[in-house]
Amino acid sequence: MDTYTASYTITQDDVDSKFLSNTATFTGIDPDGTTVVSKTADDGDPSNGDEDPTIISLASTSTIDVFKSAIVQDVNGSQVNDLGDIIVYTIVVSNTGYTTISSLTCSDTLTDFSGTALSYNAPISTVSATSGSTSSSLAIAGVTTFTASYTITQSDLNSGGVSNTCLLYTSPRPTRRRG
């Protein structure tokens, strides 16, 4: 009996699929000149008719870290957060897991303290992305940074302030770690 060995380098696509499937098939010619195809068994017993491929599970945990900060630009130089000052929000999303994260979307709610919905000065935009990531996809160890700004109004001051909540939606759904 001969023994054969083969090797394979696991790719990111393999990890994203969560498993590897392997089937080995050997062909040969018997002394009568007839082609013979081997039976393949993952349990080592080809006589039981089990010709299933060998399945190898891969580590495929999806996790992200999200860090959000807000800096107030003191437009009028009053040294207090007041009318006309601009709040600049920065959201940094990092892929800390083993799988590529796709369908990344941000749902960001901005309200005053009375619960009145507010609108950013412009839509949330992507500032940068690393490791082949984009505004909608995070590669392994990838980081995408988003930003948005809001100008404080008199109504915001009258309500007592501004509140902001950001929710990220992805596929696959990762374990969230707060930063």
Foldseek 3Di string as FASTA:
>chain_A
DDDDDDDDDDDLVCLQVFKDWDADKDWDADPVRDIDIDATAPVPDSVVVHRGTDMGGDFRAWEKEKDKDWDWAPPPPPPDQDAFIKIKMKIKMWTAGSHKKFQKDKDKFKDALVRHTDDFPDDKDWDDKPDPADNGIADHRMMTMIMTMHGDHPVSVVSPHMDMDMDIDIPPDHDYDYD
